[in-house]
């Protein structure tokens, strides 16, 4: 954090949620998307970021009518706090796993056609079977790995064939699974 003598440890601790919101804003790239991911209003999102900026004494986000971007100080703060927040989230999920029932949020990005034809028709049954799981699904023909730890993409044409490539981007120390193409590991 920026060196601000008036900001004591108790004040810093009261801003941890604000830091998390800044990290989400940096990941999502817009107030609207960040607010939706956090399940809050855009106004609440803006207010939290403004409170954080006042507390640290510097501008963290440059806003225009059409876009936002983190300032150098904002990006530095996100870079320095993202990994600890991800570790906390991972530790929390590990503790929840001991309850036995799957729970939490699954974020998936998939091509529009695959999502409509294969994933969405199965989603209601999945959610009924696992009521403690929430699903955020983005259907897009453009891969945005930074938004979803799991993404299914259609691969490039090779020898006139279209290959389905399953790509799992594992975070928080999870091992990646090898996928297969033409019957051999890639």
N, C-alpha and C. Protein backbone atom coordinates (compact mmCIF):
# COMPACT_ATOMS: atom_id res chain seq x y z
N UNK A 1 0.83 -1.18 0.00
CA UNK A 1 0.00 0.00 0.00
C UNK A 1 0.88 1.24 0.00
N UNK A 2 0.30 2.33 -0.40
CA UNK A 2 1.01 3.60 -0.41
C UNK A 2 1.27 4.00 1.04
N UNK A 3 2.43 4.54 1.30
CA UNK A 3 2.81 4.92 2.65
C UNK A 3 1.99 6.12 3.11
N UNK A 4 1.03 5.88 4.00
CA UNK A 4 0.16 6.91 4.52
C UNK A 4 0.17 6.77 6.04
N UNK A 5 0.87 7.69 6.76
CA UNK A 5 1.03 7.54 8.21
C UNK A 5 -0.29 7.49 8.96
N UNK A 6 -1.35 8.12 8.42
CA UNK A 6 -2.63 8.14 9.12
C UNK A 6 -3.34 6.79 9.06
N UNK A 7 -2.85 5.92 8.19
CA UNK A 7 -3.53 4.64 7.99
C UNK A 7 -2.89 3.58 8.89
N UNK A 8 -3.53 3.24 9.97
CA UNK A 8 -2.98 2.25 10.86
C UNK A 8 -3.44 0.84 10.47
N UNK A 9 -2.95 -0.13 11.18
CA UNK A 9 -3.27 -1.53 10.86
C UNK A 9 -4.77 -1.79 10.89
N UNK A 10 -5.47 -1.25 11.87
CA UNK A 10 -6.91 -1.48 11.95
C UNK A 10 -7.62 -0.93 10.72
N UNK A 11 -7.22 0.24 10.27
CA UNK A 11 -7.82 0.83 9.08
C UNK A 11 -7.51 -0.04 7.86
N UNK A 12 -6.28 -0.53 7.76
CA UNK A 12 -5.91 -1.39 6.63
C UNK A 12 -6.76 -2.66 6.62
N UNK A 13 -6.95 -3.24 7.79
CA UNK A 13 -7.75 -4.46 7.88
C UNK A 13 -9.20 -4.20 7.47
N UNK A 14 -9.71 -3.02 7.77
CA UNK A 14 -11.09 -2.70 7.41
C UNK A 14 -11.25 -2.53 5.89
N UNK A 15 -10.15 -2.42 5.17
CA UNK A 15 -10.20 -2.22 3.72
C UNK A 15 -9.92 -3.49 2.92
N UNK A 16 -9.79 -4.64 3.57
CA UNK A 16 -9.48 -5.87 2.84
C UNK A 16 -10.55 -6.20 1.81
N UNK A 17 -11.80 -6.02 2.15
CA UNK A 17 -12.87 -6.29 1.18
C UNK A 17 -12.76 -5.33 0.00
N UNK A 18 -12.39 -4.09 0.27
CA UNK A 18 -12.21 -3.10 -0.78
C UNK A 18 -11.10 -3.55 -1.75
N UNK A 19 -10.02 -4.07 -1.17
CA UNK A 19 -8.91 -4.58 -2.00
C UNK A 19 -9.38 -5.71 -2.90
N UNK A 20 -10.18 -6.60 -2.33
CA UNK A 20 -10.71 -7.71 -3.13
C UNK A 20 -11.53 -7.17 -4.29
N UNK A 21 -12.35 -6.19 -4.05
CA UNK A 21 -13.18 -5.60 -5.10
C UNK A 21 -12.30 -4.96 -6.18
N UNK A 22 -11.19 -4.32 -5.76
CA UNK A 22 -10.27 -3.73 -6.74
C UNK A 22 -9.64 -4.83 -7.61
N UNK A 23 -9.29 -5.94 -7.00
CA UNK A 23 -8.73 -7.07 -7.75
C UNK A 23 -9.74 -7.56 -8.78
N UNK A 24 -10.98 -7.73 -8.36
CA UNK A 24 -12.04 -8.19 -9.28
C UNK A 24 -12.23 -7.17 -10.40
N UNK A 25 -12.22 -5.88 -10.06
CA UNK A 25 -12.35 -4.84 -11.07
C UNK A 25 -11.21 -4.94 -12.09
N UNK A 26 -10.00 -5.14 -11.61
CA UNK A 26 -8.86 -5.28 -12.51
C UNK A 26 -8.99 -6.51 -13.40
N UNK A 27 -9.49 -7.61 -12.86
CA UNK A 27 -9.67 -8.83 -13.65
C UNK A 27 -10.78 -8.68 -14.68
N UNK A 28 -11.87 -8.04 -14.30
CA UNK A 28 -13.03 -7.94 -15.17
C UNK A 28 -12.90 -6.83 -16.21
N UNK A 29 -12.20 -5.76 -15.85
CA UNK A 29 -11.99 -4.69 -16.80
C UNK A 29 -13.11 -3.68 -16.94
N UNK A 30 -14.17 -3.83 -16.15
CA UNK A 30 -15.25 -2.84 -16.17
C UNK A 30 -16.01 -2.90 -14.85
N UNK A 31 -16.57 -1.76 -14.48
CA UNK A 31 -17.36 -1.71 -13.26
C UNK A 31 -18.60 -2.60 -13.38
N UNK A 32 -19.22 -2.61 -14.53
CA UNK A 32 -20.43 -3.41 -14.72
C UNK A 32 -20.15 -4.89 -14.54
N UNK A 33 -19.10 -5.39 -15.19
CA UNK A 33 -18.75 -6.81 -15.09
C UNK A 33 -18.29 -7.18 -13.68
N UNK A 34 -17.51 -6.31 -13.05
CA UNK A 34 -17.04 -6.58 -11.69
C UNK A 34 -18.21 -6.60 -10.71
N UNK A 35 -19.13 -5.65 -10.85
CA UNK A 35 -20.29 -5.61 -9.96
C UNK A 35 -21.14 -6.87 -10.14
N UNK A 36 -21.32 -7.30 -11.38
CA UNK A 36 -22.10 -8.51 -11.64
C UNK A 36 -21.42 -9.73 -11.02
N UNK A 37 -20.11 -9.83 -11.15
CA UNK A 37 -19.39 -10.98 -10.58
C UNK A 37 -19.50 -11.00 -9.06
N UNK A 38 -19.47 -9.82 -8.45
CA UNK A 38 -19.56 -9.74 -6.99
C UNK A 38 -20.99 -9.77 -6.48
N UNK A 39 -21.96 -9.62 -7.38
CA UNK A 39 -23.36 -9.62 -6.97
C UNK A 39 -23.77 -8.34 -6.27
N UNK A 40 -23.18 -7.21 -6.69
CA UNK A 40 -23.50 -5.92 -6.09
C UNK A 40 -23.86 -4.94 -7.20
N UNK A 41 -24.32 -3.77 -6.81
CA UNK A 41 -24.65 -2.76 -7.81
C UNK A 41 -23.39 -2.07 -8.30
N UNK A 42 -23.50 -1.48 -9.47
CA UNK A 42 -22.38 -0.71 -10.03
C UNK A 42 -22.06 0.47 -9.11
N UNK A 43 -23.08 1.08 -8.53
CA UNK A 43 -22.89 2.21 -7.62
C UNK A 43 -22.12 1.78 -6.38
N UNK A 44 -22.45 0.62 -5.83
CA UNK A 44 -21.74 0.12 -4.65
C UNK A 44 -20.27 -0.16 -5.00
N UNK A 45 -20.07 -0.71 -6.18
CA UNK A 45 -18.70 -0.99 -6.64
C UNK A 45 -17.90 0.30 -6.72
N UNK A 46 -18.47 1.30 -7.34
CA UNK A 46 -17.81 2.59 -7.49
C UNK A 46 -17.51 3.23 -6.14
N UNK A 47 -18.46 3.13 -5.22
CA UNK A 47 -18.29 3.71 -3.89
C UNK A 47 -17.14 3.04 -3.13
N UNK A 48 -17.07 1.71 -3.19
CA UNK A 48 -15.99 0.99 -2.51
C UNK A 48 -14.62 1.39 -3.04
N UNK A 49 -14.51 1.51 -4.36
CA UNK A 49 -13.23 1.87 -4.96
C UNK A 49 -12.86 3.30 -4.57
N UNK A 50 -13.85 4.21 -4.55
CA UNK A 50 -13.59 5.59 -4.14
C UNK A 50 -13.13 5.64 -2.67
N UNK A 51 -13.74 4.82 -1.81
CA UNK A 51 -13.33 4.76 -0.39
C UNK A 51 -11.89 4.28 -0.28
N UNK A 52 -11.53 3.28 -1.08
CA UNK A 52 -10.17 2.76 -1.06
C UNK A 52 -9.18 3.83 -1.54
N UNK A 53 -9.54 4.53 -2.58
CA UNK A 53 -8.68 5.60 -3.09
C UNK A 53 -8.47 6.69 -2.03
N UNK A 54 -9.53 7.06 -1.34
CA UNK A 54 -9.40 8.07 -0.27
C UNK A 54 -8.49 7.56 0.84
N UNK A 55 -8.62 6.29 1.18
CA UNK A 55 -7.83 5.73 2.28
C UNK A 55 -6.34 5.67 1.94
N UNK A 56 -6.01 5.31 0.71
CA UNK A 56 -4.58 5.22 0.35
C UNK A 56 -4.03 6.55 -0.14
N UNK A 57 -4.91 7.47 -0.50
CA UNK A 57 -4.47 8.80 -0.87
C UNK A 57 -3.99 8.95 -2.30
N UNK A 58 -4.30 8.00 -3.17
CA UNK A 58 -3.93 8.11 -4.58
C UNK A 58 -5.07 7.58 -5.44
N UNK A 59 -5.08 8.01 -6.69
CA UNK A 59 -6.05 7.49 -7.65
C UNK A 59 -5.62 6.10 -8.07
N UNK A 60 -6.53 5.15 -8.00
CA UNK A 60 -6.23 3.76 -8.36
C UNK A 60 -6.83 3.37 -9.70
N UNK A 61 -7.88 4.08 -10.10
CA UNK A 61 -8.60 3.75 -11.33
C UNK A 61 -8.85 5.03 -12.12
N UNK A 62 -8.50 5.02 -13.39
CA UNK A 62 -8.81 6.12 -14.30
C UNK A 62 -10.12 5.77 -14.99
N UNK A 63 -11.09 6.67 -14.87
CA UNK A 63 -12.40 6.43 -15.44
C UNK A 63 -12.66 7.43 -16.55
N UNK A 64 -13.26 6.93 -17.62
CA UNK A 64 -13.81 7.81 -18.65
C UNK A 64 -15.26 7.39 -18.82
N UNK A 65 -15.98 8.07 -19.68
CA UNK A 65 -17.38 7.71 -19.88
C UNK A 65 -17.52 6.34 -20.52
N UNK A 66 -16.49 5.88 -21.20
CA UNK A 66 -16.59 4.60 -21.92
C UNK A 66 -15.68 3.49 -21.40
N UNK A 67 -14.73 3.81 -20.55
CA UNK A 67 -13.80 2.76 -20.12
C UNK A 67 -13.20 3.08 -18.76
N UNK A 68 -12.48 2.13 -18.26
CA UNK A 68 -11.71 2.31 -17.03
C UNK A 68 -10.41 1.54 -17.18
N UNK A 69 -9.40 1.99 -16.49
CA UNK A 69 -8.14 1.26 -16.43
C UNK A 69 -7.48 1.56 -15.10
N UNK A 70 -6.73 0.62 -14.62
CA UNK A 70 -6.03 0.83 -13.37
C UNK A 70 -4.86 1.78 -13.61
N UNK A 71 -4.61 2.66 -12.66
CA UNK A 71 -3.42 3.50 -12.72
C UNK A 71 -2.22 2.62 -12.37
N UNK A 72 -1.04 3.17 -12.46
CA UNK A 72 0.15 2.41 -12.09
C UNK A 72 0.06 1.96 -10.63
N UNK A 73 -0.38 2.88 -9.77
CA UNK A 73 -0.54 2.53 -8.35
C UNK A 73 -1.61 1.46 -8.16
N UNK A 74 -2.71 1.57 -8.89
CA UNK A 74 -3.78 0.58 -8.81
C UNK A 74 -3.32 -0.79 -9.28
N UNK A 75 -2.60 -0.83 -10.39
CA UNK A 75 -2.10 -2.11 -10.91
C UNK A 75 -1.09 -2.73 -9.95
N UNK A 76 -0.23 -1.88 -9.37
CA UNK A 76 0.75 -2.39 -8.41
C UNK A 76 0.05 -2.98 -7.19
N UNK A 77 -0.98 -2.31 -6.70
CA UNK A 77 -1.73 -2.80 -5.56
C UNK A 77 -2.41 -4.13 -5.88
N UNK A 78 -3.00 -4.23 -7.06
CA UNK A 78 -3.63 -5.49 -7.49
C UNK A 78 -2.57 -6.60 -7.59
N UNK A 79 -1.45 -6.30 -8.23
CA UNK A 79 -0.40 -7.31 -8.41
C UNK A 79 0.13 -7.82 -7.08
N UNK A 80 0.24 -6.92 -6.10
CA UNK A 80 0.80 -7.31 -4.80
C UNK A 80 -0.20 -8.02 -3.90
N UNK A 81 -1.48 -7.86 -4.15
CA UNK A 81 -2.48 -8.46 -3.26
C UNK A 81 -3.27 -9.61 -3.88
N UNK A 82 -3.20 -9.79 -5.20
CA UNK A 82 -3.99 -10.83 -5.87
C UNK A 82 -3.64 -12.23 -5.37
N UNK A 83 -2.36 -12.58 -5.32
CA UNK A 83 -1.98 -13.93 -4.91
C UNK A 83 -2.40 -14.25 -3.47
N UNK A 84 -2.19 -13.35 -2.50
CA UNK A 84 -2.68 -13.66 -1.15
C UNK A 84 -4.20 -13.87 -1.10
N UNK A 85 -4.97 -13.08 -1.85
CA UNK A 85 -6.42 -13.28 -1.87
C UNK A 85 -6.77 -14.61 -2.51
N UNK A 86 -6.08 -14.99 -3.57
CA UNK A 86 -6.34 -16.28 -4.20
C UNK A 86 -5.99 -17.42 -3.25
N UNK A 87 -4.91 -17.27 -2.47
CA UNK A 87 -4.54 -18.30 -1.50
C UNK A 87 -5.59 -18.41 -0.40
N UNK A 88 -6.11 -17.28 0.06
CA UNK A 88 -7.17 -17.30 1.07
C UNK A 88 -8.40 -18.02 0.52
N UNK A 89 -8.79 -17.69 -0.71
CA UNK A 89 -9.95 -18.34 -1.33
C UNK A 89 -9.72 -19.84 -1.47
N UNK A 90 -8.52 -20.23 -1.88
CA UNK A 90 -8.20 -21.65 -2.03
C UNK A 90 -8.27 -22.36 -0.67
N UNK A 91 -7.71 -21.74 0.37
CA UNK A 91 -7.75 -22.33 1.71
C UNK A 91 -9.18 -22.47 2.21
N UNK A 92 -9.99 -21.47 1.95
CA UNK A 92 -11.40 -21.51 2.34
C UNK A 92 -12.11 -22.66 1.64
N UNK A 93 -11.87 -22.83 0.34
CA UNK A 93 -12.49 -23.92 -0.41
C UNK A 93 -12.03 -25.28 0.09
N UNK A 94 -10.77 -25.39 0.46
CA UNK A 94 -10.28 -26.65 1.02
C UNK A 94 -10.99 -26.98 2.32
N UNK A 95 -11.22 -25.97 3.15
CA UNK A 95 -11.95 -26.21 4.40
C UNK A 95 -13.38 -26.63 4.10
N UNK A 96 -14.01 -25.99 3.11
CA UNK A 96 -15.38 -26.35 2.73
C UNK A 96 -15.44 -27.77 2.18
N UNK A 97 -14.40 -28.20 1.48
CA UNK A 97 -14.39 -29.54 0.90
C UNK A 97 -14.55 -30.62 1.96
N UNK A 98 -14.16 -30.32 3.17
CA UNK A 98 -14.28 -31.30 4.23
C UNK A 98 -15.73 -31.55 4.61
N UNK A 99 -16.63 -30.68 4.19
CA UNK A 99 -18.05 -30.88 4.45
C UNK A 99 -18.62 -31.98 3.56
N UNK A 100 -17.91 -32.31 2.48
CA UNK A 100 -18.33 -33.41 1.62
C UNK A 100 -19.18 -33.00 0.43
N UNK A 101 -20.08 -32.07 0.60
CA UNK A 101 -20.96 -31.66 -0.49
C UNK A 101 -20.27 -30.62 -1.36
N UNK A 102 -20.28 -30.80 -2.69
CA UNK A 102 -19.67 -29.80 -3.55
C UNK A 102 -20.40 -28.47 -3.42
N UNK A 103 -19.63 -27.39 -3.39
CA UNK A 103 -20.21 -26.06 -3.27
C UNK A 103 -19.26 -25.05 -3.88
N UNK A 104 -19.79 -23.88 -4.14
CA UNK A 104 -18.95 -22.81 -4.66
C UNK A 104 -19.40 -22.36 -6.03
N UNK A 105 -18.50 -21.64 -6.66
CA UNK A 105 -18.77 -21.03 -7.95
C UNK A 105 -17.93 -21.71 -9.03
N UNK A 106 -18.58 -22.04 -10.13
CA UNK A 106 -17.88 -22.58 -11.30
C UNK A 106 -18.04 -21.55 -12.41
N UNK A 107 -16.90 -21.09 -12.94
CA UNK A 107 -16.93 -20.15 -14.08
C UNK A 107 -16.46 -20.90 -15.31
N UNK A 108 -17.28 -20.88 -16.35
CA UNK A 108 -16.96 -21.59 -17.59
C UNK A 108 -17.15 -20.65 -18.77
N UNK A 109 -16.20 -20.66 -19.68
CA UNK A 109 -16.33 -19.96 -20.95
C UNK A 109 -16.37 -21.03 -22.03
N UNK A 110 -17.31 -20.94 -22.95
CA UNK A 110 -17.44 -21.93 -24.01
C UNK A 110 -17.95 -21.26 -25.27
N UNK A 111 -17.69 -21.88 -26.43
CA UNK A 111 -18.25 -21.34 -27.68
C UNK A 111 -19.78 -21.32 -27.62
N UNK A 112 -20.37 -20.38 -28.31
CA UNK A 112 -21.82 -20.19 -28.27
C UNK A 112 -22.56 -21.46 -28.67
N UNK A 113 -22.20 -22.07 -29.77
CA UNK A 113 -22.92 -23.26 -30.25
C UNK A 113 -22.82 -24.40 -29.25
N UNK A 114 -21.63 -24.66 -28.73
CA UNK A 114 -21.45 -25.74 -27.76
C UNK A 114 -22.26 -25.47 -26.50
N UNK A 115 -22.22 -24.22 -26.04
CA UNK A 115 -22.97 -23.87 -24.84
C UNK A 115 -24.45 -24.07 -25.00
N UNK A 116 -24.99 -23.59 -26.11
CA UNK A 116 -26.44 -23.70 -26.34
C UNK A 116 -26.88 -25.14 -26.56
N UNK A 117 -26.08 -25.90 -27.29
CA UNK A 117 -26.50 -27.26 -27.66
C UNK A 117 -26.18 -28.30 -26.59
N UNK A 118 -25.08 -28.13 -25.85
CA UNK A 118 -24.65 -29.18 -24.94
C UNK A 118 -24.68 -28.78 -23.46
N UNK A 119 -24.19 -27.60 -23.15
CA UNK A 119 -24.05 -27.23 -21.74
C UNK A 119 -25.35 -26.71 -21.11
N UNK A 120 -25.99 -25.75 -21.74
CA UNK A 120 -27.21 -25.17 -21.16
C UNK A 120 -28.33 -26.19 -20.96
N UNK A 121 -28.56 -27.12 -21.90
CA UNK A 121 -29.63 -28.10 -21.66
C UNK A 121 -29.38 -28.99 -20.44
N UNK A 122 -28.14 -29.14 -20.03
CA UNK A 122 -27.80 -29.99 -18.89
C UNK A 122 -27.66 -29.20 -17.59
N UNK A 123 -27.65 -27.90 -17.68
CA UNK A 123 -27.37 -27.06 -16.53
C UNK A 123 -28.42 -27.17 -15.42
N UNK A 124 -29.70 -27.16 -15.76
CA UNK A 124 -30.76 -27.22 -14.75
C UNK A 124 -30.66 -28.49 -13.91
N UNK A 125 -30.47 -29.64 -14.56
CA UNK A 125 -30.34 -30.90 -13.81
C UNK A 125 -29.10 -30.88 -12.91
N UNK A 126 -28.01 -30.32 -13.43
CA UNK A 126 -26.78 -30.24 -12.64
C UNK A 126 -27.01 -29.39 -11.39
N UNK A 127 -27.65 -28.23 -11.56
CA UNK A 127 -27.88 -27.34 -10.43
C UNK A 127 -28.87 -27.93 -9.42
N UNK A 128 -29.84 -28.69 -9.90
CA UNK A 128 -30.75 -29.38 -8.97
C UNK A 128 -30.03 -30.45 -8.17
N UNK A 129 -29.09 -31.13 -8.81
CA UNK A 129 -28.33 -32.18 -8.13
C UNK A 129 -27.30 -31.60 -7.17
N UNK A 130 -26.86 -30.37 -7.42
CA UNK A 130 -25.83 -29.73 -6.60
C UNK A 130 -26.27 -28.31 -6.23
N UNK A 131 -27.19 -28.19 -5.27
CA UNK A 131 -27.77 -26.87 -4.95
C UNK A 131 -26.78 -25.88 -4.35
N UNK A 132 -25.64 -26.34 -3.87
CA UNK A 132 -24.66 -25.42 -3.28
C UNK A 132 -23.65 -24.90 -4.29
N UNK A 133 -23.86 -25.23 -5.55
CA UNK A 133 -22.96 -24.77 -6.61
C UNK A 133 -23.66 -23.69 -7.41
N UNK A 134 -22.90 -22.62 -7.69
CA UNK A 134 -23.37 -21.56 -8.59
C UNK A 134 -22.53 -21.63 -9.85
N UNK A 135 -23.13 -21.33 -10.98
CA UNK A 135 -22.42 -21.38 -12.26
C UNK A 135 -22.51 -20.03 -12.95
N UNK A 136 -21.33 -19.53 -13.35
CA UNK A 136 -21.26 -18.35 -14.22
C UNK A 136 -20.76 -18.87 -15.56
N UNK A 137 -21.58 -18.72 -16.58
CA UNK A 137 -21.21 -19.24 -17.89
C UNK A 137 -21.19 -18.09 -18.89
N UNK A 138 -20.08 -17.97 -19.59
CA UNK A 138 -19.98 -16.97 -20.64
C UNK A 138 -19.87 -17.72 -21.96
N UNK A 139 -20.83 -17.47 -22.83
CA UNK A 139 -20.82 -18.09 -24.14
C UNK A 139 -20.27 -17.07 -25.13
N UNK A 140 -19.13 -17.41 -25.68
CA UNK A 140 -18.45 -16.50 -26.59
C UNK A 140 -17.55 -17.32 -27.50
N UNK A 141 -17.41 -16.87 -28.72
CA UNK A 141 -16.51 -17.56 -29.63
C UNK A 141 -15.09 -17.02 -29.53
N UNK A 142 -14.86 -16.15 -28.56
CA UNK A 142 -13.52 -15.62 -28.29
C UNK A 142 -13.12 -16.06 -26.89
N UNK A 143 -12.01 -16.75 -26.75
CA UNK A 143 -11.56 -17.27 -25.46
C UNK A 143 -11.06 -16.13 -24.58
N UNK A 144 -11.56 -16.13 -23.35
CA UNK A 144 -11.11 -15.16 -22.36
C UNK A 144 -10.68 -15.93 -21.13
N UNK A 145 -9.49 -16.49 -21.18
CA UNK A 145 -9.01 -17.34 -20.10
C UNK A 145 -8.97 -16.64 -18.76
N UNK A 146 -8.68 -15.34 -18.76
CA UNK A 146 -8.54 -14.66 -17.49
C UNK A 146 -9.83 -14.61 -16.72
N UNK A 147 -10.98 -14.86 -17.36
CA UNK A 147 -12.26 -14.76 -16.68
C UNK A 147 -12.77 -16.09 -16.18
N UNK A 148 -12.26 -17.18 -16.70
CA UNK A 148 -12.80 -18.48 -16.31
C UNK A 148 -11.68 -19.49 -16.16
N UNK A 149 -11.66 -20.22 -15.05
CA UNK A 149 -10.63 -21.24 -14.89
C UNK A 149 -10.83 -22.44 -15.81
N UNK A 150 -12.02 -22.59 -16.36
CA UNK A 150 -12.26 -23.68 -17.30
C UNK A 150 -12.85 -23.09 -18.57
N UNK A 151 -12.29 -23.50 -19.70
CA UNK A 151 -12.81 -23.01 -20.98
C UNK A 151 -12.75 -24.14 -21.99
N UNK A 152 -13.75 -24.20 -22.82
CA UNK A 152 -13.78 -25.18 -23.90
C UNK A 152 -13.74 -24.37 -25.19
N UNK A 153 -12.76 -24.67 -26.04
CA UNK A 153 -12.61 -23.91 -27.27
C UNK A 153 -12.54 -24.86 -28.45
N UNK A 154 -13.01 -24.40 -29.60
CA UNK A 154 -12.85 -25.17 -30.82
C UNK A 154 -11.47 -24.86 -31.37
N UNK A 155 -10.70 -25.92 -31.66
CA UNK A 155 -9.35 -25.74 -32.15
C UNK A 155 -9.31 -25.39 -33.62
N UNK A 156 -8.13 -25.08 -34.08
CA UNK A 156 -7.93 -24.73 -35.48
C UNK A 156 -8.10 -25.95 -36.37
N UNK A 157 -8.42 -25.69 -37.62
CA UNK A 157 -8.57 -26.80 -38.56
C UNK A 157 -7.20 -27.37 -38.90
N UNK A 158 -7.10 -28.68 -38.83
CA UNK A 158 -5.88 -29.37 -39.20
C UNK A 158 -6.29 -30.53 -40.10
N UNK A 159 -5.74 -30.59 -41.27
CA UNK A 159 -6.07 -31.66 -42.23
C UNK A 159 -7.56 -31.76 -42.46
N UNK A 160 -8.25 -30.61 -42.52
CA UNK A 160 -9.68 -30.60 -42.82
C UNK A 160 -10.58 -30.98 -41.66
N UNK A 161 -10.03 -31.22 -40.51
CA UNK A 161 -10.84 -31.60 -39.35
C UNK A 161 -10.89 -30.47 -38.34
N UNK A 162 -11.97 -30.42 -37.63
CA UNK A 162 -12.05 -29.48 -36.52
C UNK A 162 -11.89 -30.31 -35.25
N UNK A 163 -10.94 -29.91 -34.45
CA UNK A 163 -10.67 -30.65 -33.21
C UNK A 163 -11.25 -29.91 -32.03
N UNK A 164 -11.87 -30.64 -31.16
CA UNK A 164 -12.36 -30.05 -29.92
C UNK A 164 -11.23 -30.16 -28.91
N UNK A 165 -10.81 -29.05 -28.41
CA UNK A 165 -9.72 -29.05 -27.44
C UNK A 165 -10.26 -28.58 -26.10
N UNK A 166 -10.13 -29.41 -25.13
CA UNK A 166 -10.55 -29.00 -23.79
C UNK A 166 -9.34 -28.41 -23.10
N UNK A 167 -9.49 -27.18 -22.66
CA UNK A 167 -8.36 -26.50 -22.03
C UNK A 167 -8.75 -26.10 -20.61
N UNK A 168 -8.07 -26.65 -19.68
CA UNK A 168 -8.33 -26.35 -18.28
C UNK A 168 -7.18 -25.48 -17.77
N UNK A 169 -7.50 -24.29 -17.41
CA UNK A 169 -6.50 -23.36 -16.87
C UNK A 169 -6.60 -23.45 -15.36
N UNK A 170 -5.73 -24.19 -14.76
CA UNK A 170 -5.80 -24.42 -13.32
C UNK A 170 -5.09 -23.32 -12.56
N UNK A 171 -5.75 -22.83 -11.55
CA UNK A 171 -5.16 -21.82 -10.68
C UNK A 171 -5.11 -22.36 -9.27
N UNK A 172 -4.56 -21.64 -8.44
CA UNK A 172 -4.50 -21.96 -7.01
C UNK A 172 -3.83 -23.29 -6.76
N UNK A 173 -2.82 -23.61 -7.54
CA UNK A 173 -2.03 -24.81 -7.29
C UNK A 173 -2.61 -26.11 -7.77
N UNK A 174 -3.69 -26.09 -8.52
CA UNK A 174 -4.25 -27.33 -9.03
C UNK A 174 -3.45 -27.80 -10.24
N UNK A 175 -3.27 -29.07 -10.39
CA UNK A 175 -2.52 -29.61 -11.52
C UNK A 175 -3.38 -29.59 -12.77
N UNK A 176 -2.76 -29.37 -13.90
CA UNK A 176 -3.52 -29.39 -15.15
C UNK A 176 -3.60 -30.82 -15.66
N UNK A 177 -4.64 -31.12 -16.36
CA UNK A 177 -4.85 -32.45 -16.92
C UNK A 177 -4.43 -32.44 -18.38
N UNK A 178 -3.67 -33.45 -18.83
CA UNK A 178 -3.32 -33.49 -20.25
C UNK A 178 -4.57 -33.78 -21.07
N UNK A 179 -4.68 -33.18 -22.22
CA UNK A 179 -5.80 -33.49 -23.10
C UNK A 179 -5.27 -34.30 -24.27
N UNK A 180 -6.19 -34.86 -25.01
CA UNK A 180 -5.79 -35.74 -26.10
C UNK A 180 -6.25 -35.18 -27.43
N UNK A 181 -5.45 -35.42 -28.44
CA UNK A 181 -5.80 -35.07 -29.80
C UNK A 181 -5.23 -36.19 -30.65
N UNK A 182 -6.05 -36.74 -31.52
CA UNK A 182 -5.66 -37.88 -32.38
C UNK A 182 -5.20 -39.07 -31.54
N UNK A 183 -5.77 -39.24 -30.34
CA UNK A 183 -5.45 -40.41 -29.53
C UNK A 183 -4.10 -40.33 -28.81
N UNK A 184 -3.40 -39.22 -28.87
CA UNK A 184 -2.14 -39.13 -28.13
C UNK A 184 -2.16 -37.89 -27.24
N UNK A 185 -1.38 -37.95 -26.17
CA UNK A 185 -1.33 -36.83 -25.25
C UNK A 185 -0.64 -35.65 -25.93
N UNK A 186 -1.14 -34.45 -25.59
CA UNK A 186 -0.52 -33.22 -26.10
C UNK A 186 0.35 -32.61 -25.03
